[in-house]
C-alpha atoms as a PDB file:
ATOM      1  CA  MET A   1      20.527  -3.260  72.290  1.00  0.00           C
ATOM      2  CA  ILE A   2      22.529  -6.092  70.753  1.00  0.00           C
ATOM      3  CA  ALA A   3      19.518  -8.398  71.010  1.00  0.00           C
ATOM      4  CA  ALA A   4      17.402  -5.874  69.119  1.00  0.00           C
ATOM      5  CA  LEU A   5      19.992  -5.687  66.346  1.00  0.00           C
ATOM      6  CA  ARG A   6      20.047  -9.493  66.030  1.00  0.00           C
ATOM      7  CA  ARG A   7      16.273  -9.569  65.653  1.00  0.00           C
ATOM      8  CA  LEU A   8      16.502  -6.745  63.121  1.00  0.00           C
ATOM      9  CA  ARG A   9      19.095  -8.759  61.186  1.00  0.00           C
ATOM     10  CA  HIS A  10      16.630 -11.600  60.819  1.00  0.00           C
ATOM     11  CA  LEU A  11      14.154  -9.128  59.289  1.00  0.00           C
ATOM     12  CA  VAL A  12      16.550  -7.097  57.094  1.00  0.00           C
ATOM     13  CA  VAL A  13      18.245 -10.026  55.329  1.00  0.00           C
ATOM     14  CA  PRO A  14      14.995 -11.464  53.863  1.00  0.00           C
ATOM     15  CA  LEU A  15      13.854  -7.946  52.861  1.00  0.00           C
ATOM     16  CA  ALA A  16      17.174  -7.360  51.061  1.00  0.00           C
ATOM     17  CA  TRP A  17      16.770 -10.666  49.202  1.00  0.00           C
ATOM     18  CA  LEU A  18      13.202  -9.720  48.173  1.00  0.00           C
ATOM     19  CA  LEU A  19      14.401  -6.329  46.938  1.00  0.00           C
ATOM     20  CA  ALA A  20      17.233  -7.964  44.937  1.00  0.00           C
ATOM     21  CA  LEU A  21      14.860 -10.531  43.394  1.00  0.00           C
ATOM     22  CA  GLY A  22      12.369  -7.764  42.515  1.00  0.00           C
ATOM     23  CA  CYS A  23      15.064  -5.724  40.763  1.00  0.00           C
ATOM     24  CA  ALA A  24      16.266  -8.804  38.871  1.00  0.00           C
ATOM     25  CA  ALA A  25      12.682  -9.573  37.782  1.00  0.00           C
ATOM     26  CA  ALA A  26      12.183  -5.968  36.593  1.00  0.00           C
ATOM     27  CA  VAL A  27      15.415  -6.078  34.549  1.00  0.00           C
ATOM     28  CA  ALA A  28      14.474  -9.470  33.058  1.00  0.00           C
ATOM     29  CA  ALA A  29      10.979  -8.240  32.106  1.00  0.00           C
ATOM     30  CA  THR A  30      12.388  -5.061  30.538  1.00  0.00           C
ATOM     31  CA  LEU A  31      14.914  -7.017  28.483  1.00  0.00           C
ATOM     32  CA  PHE A  32      12.271  -9.527  27.407  1.00  0.00           C
ATOM     33  CA  TRP A  33       9.864  -6.855  26.165  1.00  0.00           C
ATOM     34  CA  ARG A  34      12.649  -4.862  24.519  1.00  0.00           C
ATOM     35  CA  TYR A  35      13.691  -7.826  22.359  1.00  0.00           C
ATOM     36  CA  ALA A  36      10.290  -9.471  21.947  1.00  0.00           C
ATOM     37  CA  ALA A  37       8.463  -6.321  20.796  1.00  0.00           C
ATOM     38  CA  PRO A  38       8.113  -5.656  17.064  1.00  0.00           C
ATOM     39  CA  PRO A  39      10.617  -3.156  15.651  1.00  0.00           C
ATOM     40  CA  LYS A  40       9.604   0.477  15.438  1.00  0.00           C
ATOM     41  CA  ALA A  41       8.641   1.812  12.025  1.00  0.00           C
ATOM     42  CA  VAL A  42      11.475   3.598  10.288  1.00  0.00           C
ATOM     43  CA  LEU A  43       9.184   6.121   8.651  1.00  0.00           C
ATOM     44  CA  PRO A  44       6.048   7.535  10.198  1.00  0.00           C
ATOM     45  CA  VAL A  45       2.914   6.000   8.742  1.00  0.00           C
ATOM     46  CA  ARG A  46       0.527   8.594   7.409  1.00  0.00           C
ATOM     47  CA  ALA A  47      -2.833   7.642   5.990  1.00  0.00           C
ATOM     48  CA  ASP A  48      -4.512  10.237   3.815  1.00  0.00           C
ATOM     49  CA  THR A  49      -8.232   9.721   3.507  1.00  0.00           C
ATOM     50  CA  ASP A  50      -8.892  12.538   1.047  1.00  0.00           C
ATOM     51  CA  PRO A  51      -8.527  11.201  -2.509  1.00  0.00           C
ATOM     52  CA  ARG A  52      -8.158  14.711  -3.948  1.00  0.00           C
ATOM     53  CA  ALA A  53      -5.151  15.412  -1.689  1.00  0.00           C
ATOM     54  CA  VAL A  54      -3.567  12.052  -2.598  1.00  0.00           C
ATOM     55  CA  ALA A  55      -4.120  12.698  -6.312  1.00  0.00           C
ATOM     56  CA  GLN A  56      -2.493  16.133  -6.038  1.00  0.00           C
ATOM     57  CA  HIS A  57       0.406  14.627  -4.093  1.00  0.00           C
ATOM     58  CA  ILE A  58       0.928  11.945  -6.755  1.00  0.00           C
ATOM     59  CA  ASN A  59       0.755  14.547  -9.520  1.00  0.00           C
ATOM     60  CA  GLY A  60       3.415  16.553  -7.671  1.00  0.00           C
ATOM     61  CA  GLN A  61       5.700  13.490  -7.535  1.00  0.00           C
ATOM     62  CA  HIS A  62       5.879  13.135 -11.347  1.00  0.00           C
ATOM     63  CA  PRO A  63       4.753   9.474 -11.427  1.00  0.00           C
ATOM     64  CA  PHE A  64       5.484   9.102 -15.125  1.00  0.00           C
ATOM     65  CA  ALA A  65       8.906  10.819 -15.090  1.00  0.00           C
ATOM     66  CA  GLY A  66       9.739  13.803 -17.199  1.00  0.00           C
ATOM     67  CA  GLU A  67       8.431  17.250 -16.430  1.00  0.00           C
ATOM     68  CA  ALA A  68       5.553  18.032 -14.103  1.00  0.00           C
ATOM     69  CA  PRO A  69       2.221  17.460 -15.818  1.00  0.00           C
ATOM     70  CA  GLN A  70       0.363  20.637 -16.590  1.00  0.00           C
ATOM     71  CA  ARG A  71      -3.393  20.875 -16.297  1.00  0.00           C
ATOM     72  CA  ALA A  72      -4.871  20.529 -19.736  1.00  0.00           C
ATOM     73  CA  THR A  73      -6.302  23.619 -21.311  1.00  0.00           C
ATOM     74  CA  THR A  74      -9.993  23.010 -21.690  1.00  0.00           C
ATOM     75  CA  PRO A  75     -10.423  21.363 -25.063  1.00  0.00           C
ATOM     76  CA  THR A  76     -13.708  21.332 -26.851  1.00  0.00           C
ATOM     77  CA  ALA A  77     -16.046  18.557 -25.752  1.00  0.00           C
ATOM     78  CA  GLY A  78     -16.091  16.640 -29.032  1.00  0.00           C
ATOM     79  CA  THR A  79     -12.392  16.680 -29.913  1.00  0.00           C
ATOM     80  CA  SER A  80     -10.990  15.131 -26.741  1.00  0.00           C
ATOM     81  CA  ARG A  81     -10.532  11.387 -26.298  1.00  0.00           C
ATOM     82  CA  TYR A  82      -9.538  10.158 -22.853  1.00  0.00           C
ATOM     83  CA  GLN A  83      -7.978   6.884 -21.807  1.00  0.00           C
ATOM     84  CA  VAL A  84      -7.617   5.429 -18.304  1.00  0.00           C
ATOM     85  CA  VAL A  85      -3.996   5.131 -17.168  1.00  0.00           C
ATOM     86  CA  GLY A  86      -4.546   4.155 -13.534  1.00  0.00           C
ATOM     87  CA  LEU A  87      -7.087   3.905 -10.725  1.00  0.00           C
ATOM     88  CA  ALA A  88      -6.957   4.216  -6.939  1.00  0.00           C
ATOM     89  CA  THR A  89      -9.998   3.211  -4.909  1.00  0.00           C
ATOM     90  CA  GLY A  90     -10.829   2.310  -1.332  1.00  0.00           C
ATOM     91  CA  PHE A  91     -10.252   5.613   0.470  1.00  0.00           C
ATOM     92  CA  ALA A  92     -12.147   6.082   3.727  1.00  0.00           C
ATOM     93  CA  GLY A  93     -14.764   8.752   3.128  1.00  0.00           C
ATOM     94  CA  GLY A  94     -14.143   8.906  -0.623  1.00  0.00           C
ATOM     95  CA  SER A  95     -14.145   6.882  -3.775  1.00  0.00           C
ATOM     96  CA  GLY A  96     -10.562   7.416  -4.903  1.00  0.00           C
ATOM     97  CA  PHE A  97      -9.172   8.986  -8.037  1.00  0.00           C
ATOM     98  CA  ALA A  98      -8.453   8.116 -11.648  1.00  0.00           C
ATOM     99  CA  LEU A  99      -5.418   8.951 -13.763  1.00  0.00           C
ATOM    100  CA  LEU A 100      -6.702   9.905 -17.205  1.00  0.00           C
ATOM    101  CA  LYS A 101      -4.752  10.840 -20.306  1.00  0.00           C
ATOM    102  CA  SER A 102      -5.949  12.849 -23.261  1.00  0.00           C
ATOM    103  CA  GLY A 103      -3.967  12.511 -26.468  1.00  0.00           C
ATOM    104  CA  ASP A 104      -0.254  13.253 -26.044  1.00  0.00           C
ATOM    105  CA  GLU A 105      -0.703  15.194 -22.805  1.00  0.00           C
ATOM    106  CA  ALA A 106       0.610  13.975 -19.451  1.00  0.00           C
ATOM    107  CA  PRO A 107      -1.801  11.932 -17.301  1.00  0.00           C
ATOM    108  CA  GLN A 108      -3.887  13.927 -14.814  1.00  0.00           C
ATOM    109  CA  ALA A 109      -5.584  12.816 -11.586  1.00  0.00           C
ATOM    110  CA  TYR A 110      -9.324  13.384 -11.249  1.00  0.00           C
ATOM    111  CA  VAL A 111     -11.893  12.604  -8.540  1.00  0.00           C
ATOM    112  CA  GLU A 112     -15.585  11.838  -8.960  1.00  0.00           C
ATOM    113  CA  GLY A 113     -17.609  14.869  -9.963  1.00  0.00           C
ATOM    114  CA  GLU A 114     -14.615  16.797 -11.285  1.00  0.00           C
ATOM    115  CA  ALA A 115     -14.844  18.396 -14.732  1.00  0.00           C
ATOM    116  CA  LEU A 116     -12.261  17.117 -17.199  1.00  0.00           C
ATOM    117  CA  ALA A 117     -13.181  19.643 -19.866  1.00  0.00           C
ATOM    118  CA  GLU A 118     -16.199  21.712 -20.764  1.00  0.00           C
ATOM    119  CA  GLY A 119     -19.148  19.313 -20.892  1.00  0.00           C
ATOM    120  CA  ILE A 120     -17.131  16.294 -19.687  1.00  0.00           C
ATOM    121  CA  THR A 121     -17.369  15.168 -16.041  1.00  0.00           C
ATOM    122  CA  LEU A 122     -15.948  12.153 -14.259  1.00  0.00           C
ATOM    123  CA  LYS A 123     -19.200  10.595 -13.065  1.00  0.00           C
ATOM    124  CA  ARG A 124     -18.034   7.411 -11.305  1.00  0.00           C
ATOM    125  CA  ILE A 125     -14.840   5.503 -10.548  1.00  0.00           C
ATOM    126  CA  LEU A 126     -15.167   1.730 -10.776  1.00  0.00           C
ATOM    127  CA  GLY A 127     -12.749  -1.065  -9.952  1.00  0.00           C
ATOM    128  CA  ASP A 128     -11.836  -1.640 -13.611  1.00  0.00           C
ATOM    129  CA  GLY A 129     -12.613   1.679 -15.263  1.00  0.00           C
ATOM    130  CA  VAL A 130     -14.476   4.970 -15.071  1.00  0.00           C
ATOM    131  CA  GLU A 131     -17.729   6.478 -16.284  1.00  0.00           C
ATOM    132  CA  LEU A 132     -17.588   9.874 -17.974  1.00  0.00           C
ATOM    133  CA  GLU A 133     -20.619  12.045 -18.538  1.00  0.00           C
ATOM    134  CA  ARG A 134     -20.519  13.958 -21.834  1.00  0.00           C
ATOM    135  CA  ASN A 135     -23.346  16.435 -22.194  1.00  0.00           C
ATOM    136  CA  GLY A 136     -25.751  14.178 -20.275  1.00  0.00           C
ATOM    137  CA  ARG A 137     -24.628  10.924 -21.948  1.00  0.00           C
ATOM    138  CA  VAL A 138     -22.674   8.352 -19.883  1.00  0.00           C
ATOM    139  CA  GLU A 139     -19.619   6.739 -21.477  1.00  0.00           C
ATOM    140  CA  ARG A 140     -17.590   3.936 -19.870  1.00  0.00           C
ATOM    141  CA  LEU A 141     -13.799   3.755 -20.216  1.00  0.00           C
ATOM    142  CA  ASN A 142     -12.066   0.567 -19.077  1.00  0.00           C
ATOM    143  CA  LEU A 143      -8.592   0.256 -17.633  1.00  0.00           C
ATOM    144  CA  PRO A 144      -6.461  -1.463 -20.290  1.00  0.00           C
ATOM    145  CA  ALA A 145      -5.633  -5.091 -19.540  1.00  0.00           C
ATOM    146  CA  ALA A 146      -2.054  -5.804 -18.521  1.00  0.00           C
ATOM    147  CA  PRO A 147       0.025  -7.133 -21.425  1.00  0.00           C
ATOM    148  CA  THR A 148       0.585 -10.869 -21.298  1.00  0.00           C
ATOM    149  CA  ASP A 149       3.411 -11.071 -23.853  1.00  0.00           C
ATOM    150  CA  GLY A 150       6.014 -13.547 -22.637  1.00  0.00           C
ATOM    151  CA  VAL A 151       3.811 -14.877 -19.831  1.00  0.00           C
ATOM    152  CA  ILE A 152       3.539 -18.650 -19.824  1.00  0.00           C
ATOM    153  CA  ALA A 153       0.417 -20.034 -18.207  1.00  0.00           C
ATOM    154  CA  ALA A 154       0.884 -22.968 -15.847  1.00  0.00           C
ATOM    155  CA  LYS A 155      -0.736 -26.222 -16.891  1.00  0.00           C
ATOM    156  CA  ALA A 156      -3.163 -27.671 -14.401  1.00  0.00           C
ATOM    157  CA  ALA A 157      -1.922 -30.986 -12.991  1.00  0.00           C
ATOM    158  CA  PRO A 158      -4.280 -33.957 -13.221  1.00  0.00           C
ATOM    159  CA  PRO A 159      -5.970 -34.755  -9.903  1.00  0.00           C
ATOM    160  CA  GLY A 160      -3.895 -36.908  -7.566  1.00  0.00           C
ATOM    161  CA  GLU A 161      -0.605 -36.073  -9.224  1.00  0.00           C
ATOM    162  CA  GLY A 162       1.982 -34.457  -6.979  1.00  0.00           C
ATOM    163  CA  PRO A 163       4.933 -32.222  -7.813  1.00  0.00           C
ATOM    164  CA  SER A 164       7.327 -33.328 -10.525  1.00  0.00           C
ATOM    165  CA  THR A 165      10.517 -35.142  -9.496  1.00  0.00           C
ATOM    166  CA  VAL A 166      12.138 -34.908 -12.930  1.00  0.00           C
ATOM    167  CA  VAL A 167      15.564 -33.236 -12.838  1.00  0.00           C
ATOM    168  CA  PRO A 168      16.538 -31.241 -15.944  1.00  0.00           C
ATOM    169  CA  PRO A 169      19.624 -32.659 -17.730  1.00  0.00           C
ATOM    170  CA  SER A 170      21.587 -29.464 -17.022  1.00  0.00           C
ATOM    171  CA  GLU A 171      21.186 -29.997 -13.252  1.00  0.00           C
ATOM    172  CA  ALA A 172      21.507 -33.798 -13.247  1.00  0.00           C
ATOM    173  CA  SER A 173      25.310 -33.775 -13.388  1.00  0.00           C
ATOM    174  CA  SER A 174      25.592 -31.306 -10.486  1.00  0.00           C
ATOM    175  CA  ARG A 175      23.409 -33.492  -8.221  1.00  0.00           C
ATOM    176  CA  ARG A 176      25.612 -36.569  -8.455  1.00  0.00           C
END
């Protein structure tokens, strides 16, 4: 009986070492993947593919501050003048929406094919504007260019010239 236990000892000790090494490897792998994995998103990511739903959601958020924009009462076709305030394109399964403003009213979101007023339909949304159809005639409205007041354009450096090493006088004394 004692001889059998000695033989068993020679088998149990290596098995115990293998089990201990396996557990250590599992703990090491778990710790590695816990710290090497990218962090979880704080907020759930939700992608809306319906431009009409996104436009309604944006209108409900009051994007231009103040009170909630009210849907314009249908003005007559000839008296209304619209301007493009913003565009959103690139929705899967849709073309996006346009934020249009008429006179002093709050901007409203419209999708392609939607009637703005009687006789006025948003025909197409483009990357830099929209096309409106007024009584069968197509009119293009462009998104206004961003103001460039106070923007200083960078001068192109002559070929072969690297970055400047000139230190402004105000910083020269602090670098000594």
